[in-house]
Amino acid sequence: MTTLAENTTKCPNCKSDLVNCLINQNQSLVICPNQQCLYPFDQNRVDNEIFYVTNEELSKIVSEKVTMKDIFNDEQLKDL
């Protein structure tokens, strides 16, 4: 299975840069972010667009998206 880092392509329909959408801890589905484009959901099969996400890639994704405020409330943050 190809890893997430190895997959850098353009949408075959609209030529937008494809993005990775995590579907579980170690798998990502490559999709087109253009809301007018249906790729890959307009394909007969999407399994060619599912990629393995390494633990290092997952850590990077999580650290970019999650902040301390997402985990703790204001009262808990005061005590940290």
PDB file of N, CA and C in Angstrom:
ATOM      1  N   MET A   1       0.840  -1.173   0.000  1.00  0.00           N
ATOM      2  CA  MET A   1       0.000   0.000   0.000  1.00  0.00           C
ATOM      3  C   MET A   1       0.891   1.243   0.000  1.00  0.00           C
ATOM      4  N   THR A   2       0.560   2.208  -0.803  1.00  0.00           N
ATOM      5  CA  THR A   2       1.321   3.454  -0.881  1.00  0.00           C
ATOM      6  C   THR A   2       1.098   4.266   0.383  1.00  0.00           C
ATOM      7  N   THR A   3       2.151   4.973   0.809  1.00  0.00           N
ATOM      8  CA  THR A   3       1.980   5.816   1.997  1.00  0.00           C
ATOM      9  C   THR A   3       1.467   7.180   1.591  1.00  0.00           C
ATOM     10  N   LEU A   4       0.939   7.881   2.571  1.00  0.00           N
ATOM     11  CA  LEU A   4       0.399   9.217   2.364  1.00  0.00           C
ATOM     12  C   LEU A   4       1.440  10.151   1.766  1.00  0.00           C
ATOM     13  N   ALA A   5       2.670  10.110   2.256  1.00  0.00           N
ATOM     14  CA  ALA A   5       3.718  11.005   1.779  1.00  0.00           C
ATOM     15  C   ALA A   5       4.064  10.765   0.314  1.00  0.00           C
ATOM     16  N   GLU A   6       3.888   9.552  -0.157  1.00  0.00           N
ATOM     17  CA  GLU A   6       4.218   9.229  -1.544  1.00  0.00           C
ATOM     18  C   GLU A   6       3.150   9.704  -2.516  1.00  0.00           C
ATOM     19  N   ASN A   7       1.990  10.083  -2.022  1.00  0.00           N
ATOM     20  CA  ASN A   7       0.888  10.453  -2.886  1.00  0.00           C
ATOM     21  C   ASN A   7       0.764  11.973  -2.994  1.00  0.00           C
ATOM     22  N   THR A   8       1.217  12.530  -4.075  1.00  0.00           N
ATOM     23  CA  THR A   8       1.067  13.963  -4.335  1.00  0.00           C
ATOM     24  C   THR A   8       0.624  14.107  -5.777  1.00  0.00           C
ATOM     25  N   THR A   9      -0.674  14.312  -5.974  1.00  0.00           N
ATOM     26  CA  THR A   9      -1.204  14.364  -7.327  1.00  0.00           C
ATOM     27  C   THR A   9      -2.227  15.489  -7.469  1.00  0.00           C
ATOM     28  N   LYS A  10      -2.601  15.721  -8.700  1.00  0.00           N
ATOM     29  CA  LYS A  10      -3.656  16.676  -9.044  1.00  0.00           C
ATOM     30  C   LYS A  10      -4.929  15.906  -9.365  1.00  0.00           C
ATOM     31  N   CYS A  11      -6.028  16.558  -9.168  1.00  0.00           N
ATOM     32  CA  CYS A  11      -7.317  15.947  -9.495  1.00  0.00           C
ATOM     33  C   CYS A  11      -7.393  15.694 -10.998  1.00  0.00           C
ATOM     34  N   PRO A  12      -7.752  14.487 -11.398  1.00  0.00           N
ATOM     35  CA  PRO A  12      -7.844  14.202 -12.836  1.00  0.00           C
ATOM     36  C   PRO A  12      -9.019  14.920 -13.503  1.00  0.00           C
ATOM     37  N   ASN A  13      -9.995  15.362 -12.705  1.00  0.00           N
ATOM     38  CA  ASN A  13     -11.170  16.040 -13.271  1.00  0.00           C
ATOM     39  C   ASN A  13     -10.974  17.543 -13.420  1.00  0.00           C
ATOM     40  N   CYS A  14     -10.518  18.201 -12.344  1.00  0.00           N
ATOM     41  CA  CYS A  14     -10.461  19.664 -12.363  1.00  0.00           C
ATOM     42  C   CYS A  14      -9.054  20.236 -12.184  1.00  0.00           C
ATOM     43  N   LYS A  15      -8.084  19.376 -11.954  1.00  0.00           N
ATOM     44  CA  LYS A  15      -6.660  19.748 -11.811  1.00  0.00           C
ATOM     45  C   LYS A  15      -6.349  20.488 -10.506  1.00  0.00           C
ATOM     46  N   SER A  16      -7.256  20.491  -9.544  1.00  0.00           N
ATOM     47  CA  SER A  16      -6.975  21.058  -8.226  1.00  0.00           C
ATOM     48  C   SER A  16      -5.994  20.142  -7.497  1.00  0.00           C
ATOM     49  N   ASP A  17      -5.280  20.694  -6.514  1.00  0.00           N
ATOM     50  CA  ASP A  17      -4.415  19.859  -5.682  1.00  0.00           C
ATOM     51  C   ASP A  17      -5.290  18.976  -4.811  1.00  0.00           C
ATOM     52  N   LEU A  18      -5.037  17.673  -4.846  1.00  0.00           N
ATOM     53  CA  LEU A  18      -5.805  16.745  -4.023  1.00  0.00           C
ATOM     54  C   LEU A  18      -5.393  16.872  -2.564  1.00  0.00           C
ATOM     55  N   VAL A  19      -6.314  16.566  -1.664  1.00  0.00           N
ATOM     56  CA  VAL A  19      -6.034  16.601  -0.235  1.00  0.00           C
ATOM     57  C   VAL A  19      -6.329  15.234   0.366  1.00  0.00           C
ATOM     58  N   ASN A  20      -5.724  14.996   1.519  1.00  0.00           N
ATOM     59  CA  ASN A  20      -5.921  13.733   2.216  1.00  0.00           C
ATOM     60  C   ASN A  20      -6.913  13.913   3.345  1.00  0.00           C
ATOM     61  N   CYS A  21      -7.847  13.023   3.421  1.00  0.00           N
ATOM     62  CA  CYS A  21      -8.876  13.049   4.455  1.00  0.00           C
ATOM     63  C   CYS A  21      -8.731  11.761   5.270  1.00  0.00           C
ATOM     64  N   LEU A  22      -8.401  11.909   6.562  1.00  0.00           N
ATOM     65  CA  LEU A  22      -8.247  10.713   7.393  1.00  0.00           C
ATOM     66  C   LEU A  22      -9.592  10.017   7.544  1.00  0.00           C
ATOM     67  N   ILE A  23      -9.588   8.721   7.295  1.00  0.00           N
ATOM     68  CA  ILE A  23     -10.822   7.951   7.472  1.00  0.00           C
ATOM     69  C   ILE A  23     -10.726   7.007   8.668  1.00  0.00           C
ATOM     70  N   ASN A  24      -9.525   6.785   9.139  1.00  0.00           N
ATOM     71  CA  ASN A  24      -9.274   6.111  10.418  1.00  0.00           C
ATOM     72  C   ASN A  24      -7.825   6.401  10.788  1.00  0.00           C
ATOM     73  N   GLN A  25      -7.333   5.827  11.850  1.00  0.00           N
ATOM     74  CA  GLN A  25      -6.013   6.195  12.352  1.00  0.00           C
ATOM     75  C   GLN A  25      -4.890   6.028  11.338  1.00  0.00           C
ATOM     76  N   ASN A  26      -4.927   4.999  10.549  1.00  0.00           N
ATOM     77  CA  ASN A  26      -3.816   4.741   9.632  1.00  0.00           C
ATOM     78  C   ASN A  26      -4.214   4.677   8.167  1.00  0.00           C
ATOM     79  N   GLN A  27      -5.331   5.305   7.824  1.00  0.00           N
ATOM     80  CA  GLN A  27      -5.720   5.332   6.418  1.00  0.00           C
ATOM     81  C   GLN A  27      -6.286   6.701   6.056  1.00  0.00           C
ATOM     82  N   SER A  28      -5.954   7.105   4.851  1.00  0.00           N
ATOM     83  CA  SER A  28      -6.405   8.389   4.339  1.00  0.00           C
ATOM     84  C   SER A  28      -7.031   8.179   2.971  1.00  0.00           C
ATOM     85  N   LEU A  29      -8.093   8.909   2.706  1.00  0.00           N
ATOM     86  CA  LEU A  29      -8.735   8.894   1.394  1.00  0.00           C
ATOM     87  C   LEU A  29      -8.370  10.198   0.702  1.00  0.00           C
ATOM     88  N   VAL A  30      -7.854  10.103  -0.505  1.00  0.00           N
ATOM     89  CA  VAL A  30      -7.490  11.286  -1.275  1.00  0.00           C
ATOM     90  C   VAL A  30      -8.744  11.803  -1.968  1.00  0.00           C
ATOM     91  N   ILE A  31      -9.043  13.082  -1.733  1.00  0.00           N
ATOM     92  CA  ILE A  31     -10.239  13.681  -2.319  1.00  0.00           C
ATOM     93  C   ILE A  31      -9.897  15.032  -2.942  1.00  0.00           C
ATOM     94  N   CYS A  32     -10.770  15.499  -3.791  1.00  0.00           N
ATOM     95  CA  CYS A  32     -10.629  16.826  -4.374  1.00  0.00           C
ATOM     96  C   CYS A  32     -11.347  17.817  -3.453  1.00  0.00           C
ATOM     97  N   PRO A  33     -10.686  18.923  -3.070  1.00  0.00           N
ATOM     98  CA  PRO A  33     -11.324  19.896  -2.187  1.00  0.00           C
ATOM     99  C   PRO A  33     -12.321  20.814  -2.900  1.00  0.00           C
ATOM    100  N   ASN A  34     -12.307  20.788  -4.218  1.00  0.00           N
ATOM    101  CA  ASN A  34     -13.231  21.618  -4.996  1.00  0.00           C
ATOM    102  C   ASN A  34     -14.650  21.081  -4.805  1.00  0.00           C
ATOM    103  N   GLN A  35     -15.516  21.871  -4.221  1.00  0.00           N
ATOM    104  CA  GLN A  35     -16.870  21.405  -3.919  1.00  0.00           C
ATOM    105  C   GLN A  35     -17.717  21.153  -5.161  1.00  0.00           C
ATOM    106  N   GLN A  36     -17.282  21.664  -6.288  1.00  0.00           N
ATOM    107  CA  GLN A  36     -18.001  21.410  -7.542  1.00  0.00           C
ATOM    108  C   GLN A  36     -17.545  20.108  -8.196  1.00  0.00           C
ATOM    109  N   CYS A  37     -16.482  19.547  -7.694  1.00  0.00           N
ATOM    110  CA  CYS A  37     -15.912  18.329  -8.261  1.00  0.00           C
ATOM    111  C   CYS A  37     -16.229  17.150  -7.330  1.00  0.00           C
ATOM    112  N   LEU A  38     -16.523  16.018  -7.886  1.00  0.00           N
ATOM    113  CA  LEU A  38     -16.908  14.855  -7.081  1.00  0.00           C
ATOM    114  C   LEU A  38     -15.804  13.824  -6.885  1.00  0.00           C
ATOM    115  N   TYR A  39     -14.605  14.106  -7.395  1.00  0.00           N
ATOM    116  CA  TYR A  39     -13.536  13.113  -7.324  1.00  0.00           C
ATOM    117  C   TYR A  39     -13.165  12.802  -5.876  1.00  0.00           C
ATOM    118  N   PRO A  40     -13.037  11.541  -5.499  1.00  0.00           N
ATOM    119  CA  PRO A  40     -13.083  10.313  -6.293  1.00  0.00           C
ATOM    120  C   PRO A  40     -14.445   9.633  -6.282  1.00  0.00           C
ATOM    121  N   PHE A  41     -15.453  10.329  -5.755  1.00  0.00           N
ATOM    122  CA  PHE A  41     -16.761   9.684  -5.595  1.00  0.00           C
ATOM    123  C   PHE A  41     -17.512   9.507  -6.909  1.00  0.00           C
ATOM    124  N   ASP A  42     -16.968  10.048  -7.973  1.00  0.00           N
ATOM    125  CA  ASP A  42     -17.561   9.819  -9.290  1.00  0.00           C
ATOM    126  C   ASP A  42     -16.900   8.647 -10.018  1.00  0.00           C
ATOM    127  N   GLN A  43     -16.006   7.950  -9.315  1.00  0.00           N
ATOM    128  CA  GLN A  43     -15.302   6.796  -9.882  1.00  0.00           C
ATOM    129  C   GLN A  43     -16.034   5.507  -9.521  1.00  0.00           C
ATOM    130  N   ASN A  44     -15.801   4.470 -10.289  1.00  0.00           N
ATOM    131  CA  ASN A  44     -16.404   3.172  -9.995  1.00  0.00           C
ATOM    132  C   ASN A  44     -15.858   2.581  -8.704  1.00  0.00           C
ATOM    133  N   ARG A  45     -14.579   2.866  -8.423  1.00  0.00           N
ATOM    134  CA  ARG A  45     -13.929   2.357  -7.215  1.00  0.00           C
ATOM    135  C   ARG A  45     -13.099   3.466  -6.606  1.00  0.00           C
ATOM    136  N   VAL A  46     -13.056   3.520  -5.274  1.00  0.00           N
ATOM    137  CA  VAL A  46     -12.214   4.520  -4.604  1.00  0.00           C
ATOM    138  C   VAL A  46     -11.042   3.879  -3.870  1.00  0.00           C
ATOM    139  N   ASP A  47     -10.949   2.562  -3.887  1.00  0.00           N
ATOM    140  CA  ASP A  47      -9.879   1.901  -3.135  1.00  0.00           C
ATOM    141  C   ASP A  47      -8.482   2.267  -3.637  1.00  0.00           C
ATOM    142  N   ASN A  48      -8.362   2.749  -4.873  1.00  0.00           N
ATOM    143  CA  ASN A  48      -7.064   3.198  -5.370  1.00  0.00           C
ATOM    144  C   ASN A  48      -6.651   4.527  -4.746  1.00  0.00           C
ATOM    145  N   GLU A  49      -7.570   5.183  -4.058  1.00  0.00           N
ATOM    146  CA  GLU A  49      -7.300   6.481  -3.441  1.00  0.00           C
ATOM    147  C   GLU A  49      -7.198   6.389  -1.922  1.00  0.00           C
ATOM    148  N   ILE A  50      -7.064   5.186  -1.399  1.00  0.00           N
ATOM    149  CA  ILE A  50      -6.876   4.987   0.040  1.00  0.00           C
ATOM    150  C   ILE A  50      -5.415   4.664   0.287  1.00  0.00           C
ATOM    151  N   PHE A  51      -4.809   5.404   1.211  1.00  0.00           N
ATOM    152  CA  PHE A  51      -3.380   5.283   1.461  1.00  0.00           C
ATOM    153  C   PHE A  51      -3.097   5.048   2.934  1.00  0.00           C
ATOM    154  N   TYR A  52      -1.999   4.384   3.181  1.00  0.00           N
ATOM    155  CA  TYR A  52      -1.525   4.144   4.543  1.00  0.00           C
ATOM    156  C   TYR A  52      -0.930   5.427   5.114  1.00  0.00           C
ATOM    157  N   VAL A  53      -1.276   5.746   6.353  1.00  0.00           N
ATOM    158  CA  VAL A  53      -0.735   6.909   7.052  1.00  0.00           C
ATOM    159  C   VAL A  53       0.208   6.396   8.136  1.00  0.00           C
ATOM    160  N   THR A  54       1.476   6.783   8.048  1.00  0.00           N
ATOM    161  CA  THR A  54       2.440   6.354   9.057  1.00  0.00           C
ATOM    162  C   THR A  54       2.165   7.074  10.376  1.00  0.00           C
ATOM    163  N   ASN A  55       2.692   6.549  11.459  1.00  0.00           N
ATOM    164  CA  ASN A  55       2.506   7.188  12.762  1.00  0.00           C
ATOM    165  C   ASN A  55       3.107   8.589  12.784  1.00  0.00           C
ATOM    166  N   GLU A  56       4.214   8.786  12.101  1.00  0.00           N
ATOM    167  CA  GLU A  56       4.839  10.111  12.028  1.00  0.00           C
ATOM    168  C   GLU A  56       3.931  11.099  11.303  1.00  0.00           C
ATOM    169  N   GLU A  57       3.337  10.658  10.202  1.00  0.00           N
ATOM    170  CA  GLU A  57       2.408  11.520   9.465  1.00  0.00           C
ATOM    171  C   GLU A  57       1.178  11.834  10.304  1.00  0.00           C
ATOM    172  N   LEU A  58       0.675  10.842  11.019  1.00  0.00           N
ATOM    173  CA  LEU A  58      -0.488  11.045  11.873  1.00  0.00           C
ATOM    174  C   LEU A  58      -0.180  12.053  12.976  1.00  0.00           C
ATOM    175  N   SER A  59       0.979  11.945  13.593  1.00  0.00           N
ATOM    176  CA  SER A  59       1.376  12.897  14.636  1.00  0.00           C
ATOM    177  C   SER A  59       1.434  14.311  14.096  1.00  0.00           C
ATOM    178  N   LYS A  60       1.961  14.467  12.908  1.00  0.00           N
ATOM    179  CA  LYS A  60       2.049  15.796  12.300  1.00  0.00           C
ATOM    180  C   LYS A  60       0.658  16.362  12.028  1.00  0.00           C
ATOM    181  N   ILE A  61      -0.222  15.549  11.485  1.00  0.00           N
ATOM    182  CA  ILE A  61      -1.585  15.984  11.181  1.00  0.00           C
ATOM    183  C   ILE A  61      -2.297  16.412  12.460  1.00  0.00           C
ATOM    184  N   VAL A  62      -2.187  15.601  13.493  1.00  0.00           N
ATOM    185  CA  VAL A  62      -2.869  15.893  14.758  1.00  0.00           C
ATOM    186  C   VAL A  62      -2.305  17.159  15.391  1.00  0.00           C
ATOM    187  N   SER A  63      -0.993  17.308  15.389  1.00  0.00           N
ATOM    188  CA  SER A  63      -0.393  18.489  16.018  1.00  0.00           C
ATOM    189  C   SER A  63      -0.768  19.775  15.288  1.00  0.00           C
ATOM    190  N   GLU A  64      -1.036  19.694  14.004  1.00  0.00           N
ATOM    191  CA  GLU A  64      -1.441  20.872  13.242  1.00  0.00           C
ATOM    192  C   GLU A  64      -2.899  21.229  13.490  1.00  0.00           C
ATOM    193  N   LYS A  65      -3.711  20.273  13.878  1.00  0.00           N
ATOM    194  CA  LYS A  65      -5.147  20.513  13.994  1.00  0.00           C
ATOM    195  C   LYS A  65      -5.661  20.639  15.425  1.00  0.00           C
ATOM    196  N   VAL A  66      -4.947  20.075  16.379  1.00  0.00           N
ATOM    197  CA  VAL A  66      -5.441  20.046  17.750  1.00  0.00           C
ATOM    198  C   VAL A  66      -4.627  21.005  18.619  1.00  0.00           C
ATOM    199  N   THR A  67      -5.324  21.824  19.377  1.00  0.00           N
ATOM    200  CA  THR A  67      -4.669  22.720  20.319  1.00  0.00           C
ATOM    201  C   THR A  67      -5.070  22.311  21.732  1.00  0.00           C
ATOM    202  N   MET A  68      -4.395  22.888  22.721  1.00  0.00           N
ATOM    203  CA  MET A  68      -4.726  22.586  24.115  1.00  0.00           C
ATOM    204  C   MET A  68      -6.171  22.973  24.439  1.00  0.00           C
ATOM    205  N   LYS A  69      -6.677  24.030  23.820  1.00  0.00           N
ATOM    206  CA  LYS A  69      -8.065  24.458  24.069  1.00  0.00           C
ATOM    207  C   LYS A  69      -9.068  23.439  23.533  1.00  0.00           C
ATOM    208  N   ASP A  70      -8.656  22.631  22.579  1.00  0.00           N
ATOM    209  CA  ASP A  70      -9.544  21.587  22.066  1.00  0.00           C
ATOM    210  C   ASP A  70      -9.671  20.433  23.064  1.00  0.00           C
ATOM    211  N   ILE A  71      -8.689  20.307  23.947  1.00  0.00           N
ATOM    212  CA  ILE A  71      -8.645  19.181  24.875  1.00  0.00           C
ATOM    213  C   ILE A  71      -9.133  19.577  26.269  1.00  0.00           C
ATOM    214  N   PHE A  72      -8.702  20.765  26.734  1.00  0.00           N
ATOM    215  CA  PHE A  72      -9.001  21.201  28.093  1.00  0.00           C
ATOM    216  C   PHE A  72      -9.886  22.439  28.083  1.00  0.00           C
ATOM    217  N   ASN A  73     -10.712  22.574  29.122  1.00  0.00           N
ATOM    218  CA  ASN A  73     -11.486  23.811  29.258  1.00  0.00           C
ATOM    219  C   ASN A  73     -10.625  24.864  29.948  1.00  0.00           C
ATOM    220  N   ASP A  74     -11.116  26.103  30.028  1.00  0.00           N
ATOM    221  CA  ASP A  74     -10.331  27.213  30.574  1.00  0.00           C
ATOM    222  C   ASP A  74      -9.887  26.961  32.020  1.00  0.00           C
ATOM    223  N   GLU A  75     -10.742  26.378  32.792  1.00  0.00           N
ATOM    224  CA  GLU A  75     -10.409  26.102  34.203  1.00  0.00           C
ATOM    225  C   GLU A  75      -9.253  25.102  34.291  1.00  0.00           C
ATOM    226  N   GLN A  76      -9.291  24.078  33.466  1.00  0.00           N
ATOM    227  CA  GLN A  76      -8.207  23.084  33.464  1.00  0.00           C
ATOM    228  C   GLN A  76      -6.907  23.685  32.955  1.00  0.00           C
ATOM    229  N   LEU A  77      -6.980  24.580  32.002  1.00  0.00           N
ATOM    230  CA  LEU A  77      -5.780  25.212  31.455  1.00  0.00           C
ATOM    231  C   LEU A  77      -5.077  26.067  32.497  1.00  0.00           C
ATOM    232  N   LYS A  78      -5.832  26.688  33.410  1.00  0.00           N
ATOM    233  CA  LYS A  78      -5.225  27.506  34.474  1.00  0.00           C
ATOM    234  C   LYS A  78      -4.306  26.667  35.346  1.00  0.00           C
ATOM    235  N   ASP A  79      -4.657  25.418  35.531  1.00  0.00           N
ATOM    236  CA  ASP A  79      -3.891  24.537  36.432  1.00  0.00           C
ATOM    237  C   ASP A  79      -2.687  23.895  35.753  1.00  0.00           C
ATOM    238  N   LEU A  80      -2.545  24.057  34.489  1.00  0.00           N
ATOM    239  CA  LEU A  80      -1.416  23.443  33.781  1.00  0.00           C
ATOM    240  C   LEU A  80      -0.147  24.240  33.927  1.00  0.00           C
TER     241      LEU A  80
END
